[in-house]
C-alpha atoms as a PDB file:
ATOM      1  CA  MET A   1     108.596  86.754  97.844  1.00  0.00           C
ATOM      2  CA  ASN A   2     110.129  84.091  99.959  1.00  0.00           C
ATOM      3  CA  GLY A   3     111.700  85.409 103.141  1.00  0.00           C
ATOM      4  CA  ILE A   4     109.728  88.673 103.241  1.00  0.00           C
ATOM      5  CA  ASP A   5     107.703  89.444 106.335  1.00  0.00           C
ATOM      6  CA  PRO A   6     104.081  89.626 105.108  1.00  0.00           C
ATOM      7  CA  THR A   7     103.351  92.429 107.597  1.00  0.00           C
ATOM      8  CA  ASN A   8     106.171  94.656 106.284  1.00  0.00           C
ATOM      9  CA  VAL A   9     104.301  96.787 103.756  1.00  0.00           C
ATOM     10  CA  PHE A  10     107.467  98.644 102.735  1.00  0.00           C
ATOM     11  CA  ALA A  11     109.324  95.430 101.876  1.00  0.00           C
ATOM     12  CA  LEU A  12     106.326  94.078  99.977  1.00  0.00           C
ATOM     13  CA  LEU A  13     106.035  97.284  97.938  1.00  0.00           C
ATOM     14  CA  SER A  14     109.769  97.361  97.242  1.00  0.00           C
ATOM     15  CA  THR A  15     109.653  93.791  95.989  1.00  0.00           C
ATOM     16  CA  GLY A  16     106.597  94.541  93.866  1.00  0.00           C
ATOM     17  CA  ILE A  17     108.332  97.579  92.368  1.00  0.00           C
ATOM     18  CA  SER A  18     111.404  95.521  91.495  1.00  0.00           C
ATOM     19  CA  THR A  19     109.302  92.789  89.920  1.00  0.00           C
ATOM     20  CA  ALA A  20     107.200  95.238  87.904  1.00  0.00           C
ATOM     21  CA  ASP A  21     110.361  97.019  86.758  1.00  0.00           C
ATOM     22  CA  ALA A  22     111.890  93.754  85.557  1.00  0.00           C
ATOM     23  CA  ILE A  23     108.698  92.847  83.698  1.00  0.00           C
ATOM     24  CA  SER A  24     108.503  96.296  82.094  1.00  0.00           C
ATOM     25  CA  GLN A  25     111.996  95.829  80.642  1.00  0.00           C
ATOM     26  CA  ASP A  26     111.539  92.245  79.418  1.00  0.00           C
ATOM     27  CA  ALA A  27     111.889  92.333  75.620  1.00  0.00           C
ATOM     28  CA  ARG A  28     110.218  88.916  75.299  1.00  0.00           C
ATOM     29  CA  LEU A  29     106.846  90.320  76.360  1.00  0.00           C
ATOM     30  CA  PRO A  30     104.385  92.259  74.215  1.00  0.00           C
ATOM     31  CA  ALA A  31     104.674  96.043  74.401  1.00  0.00           C
ATOM     32  CA  ALA A  32     101.235  96.310  76.035  1.00  0.00           C
ATOM     33  CA  ASP A  33     102.317  94.024  78.896  1.00  0.00           C
ATOM     34  CA  CYS A  34     105.538  95.981  79.392  1.00  0.00           C
ATOM     35  CA  ALA A  35     103.582  99.233  79.459  1.00  0.00           C
ATOM     36  CA  ALA A  36     101.104  97.825  81.990  1.00  0.00           C
ATOM     37  CA  ALA A  37     103.970  96.684  84.228  1.00  0.00           C
ATOM     38  CA  ALA A  38     105.555 100.138  83.970  1.00  0.00           C
ATOM     39  CA  ARG A  39     102.270 101.768  85.021  1.00  0.00           C
ATOM     40  CA  LEU A  40     101.995  99.362  87.960  1.00  0.00           C
ATOM     41  CA  ARG A  41     105.601 100.114  88.962  1.00  0.00           C
ATOM     42  CA  ASP A  42     104.924 103.855  88.877  1.00  0.00           C
ATOM     43  CA  ALA A  43     101.729 103.470  90.915  1.00  0.00           C
ATOM     44  CA  LEU A  44     103.536 101.401  93.538  1.00  0.00           C
ATOM     45  CA  ARG A  45     106.336 103.981  93.723  1.00  0.00           C
ATOM     46  CA  ALA A  46     103.745 106.605  94.642  1.00  0.00           C
ATOM     47  CA  TRP A  47     102.985 104.619  97.819  1.00  0.00           C
ATOM     48  CA  LYS A  48     106.593 103.839  98.772  1.00  0.00           C
ATOM     49  CA  ALA A  49     107.099 106.921 100.977  1.00  0.00           C
ATOM     50  CA  VAL A  50     103.846 106.289 102.830  1.00  0.00           C
ATOM     51  CA  ALA A  51     104.716 102.624 103.341  1.00  0.00           C
ATOM     52  CA  TYR A  52     108.142 103.572 104.744  1.00  0.00           C
ATOM     53  CA  ALA A  53     106.425 105.088 107.772  1.00  0.00           C
ATOM     54  CA  PHE A  54     104.845 101.703 108.514  1.00  0.00           C
ATOM     55  CA  ARG A  55     107.949  99.540 107.985  1.00  0.00           C
ATOM     56  CA  ASP A  56     108.134  98.594 111.679  1.00  0.00           C
ATOM     57  CA  TRP A  57     104.399  98.103 112.204  1.00  0.00           C
ATOM     58  CA  GLN A  58     103.364  94.807 113.740  1.00  0.00           C
ATOM     59  CA  PRO A  59      99.817  93.471 114.040  1.00  0.00           C
ATOM     60  CA  PRO A  60      98.457  93.367 117.578  1.00  0.00           C
ATOM     61  CA  ALA A  61      98.742  90.118 119.453  1.00  0.00           C
ATOM     62  CA  PRO A  62      95.545  88.067 119.472  1.00  0.00           C
ATOM     63  CA  GLU A  63      93.438  88.534 122.566  1.00  0.00           C
ATOM     64  CA  LYS A  64      93.523  85.682 125.032  1.00  0.00           C
ATOM     65  CA  LYS A  65      90.141  84.373 126.069  1.00  0.00           C
END
């Protein structure tokens, strides 16, 4: 996940969805692993719309003492 802003929840979810989708379609892996990746992908997709609302969120600046 090189180059992804760690505070951008939408980008992190999108990358996770893509990775889980690729794993779920990898014929080299056991069927149980592919099925688990597909379930993870589907669960992450359920949060994608919610995360879109927070795509521009930034953490507050640290307080100066």
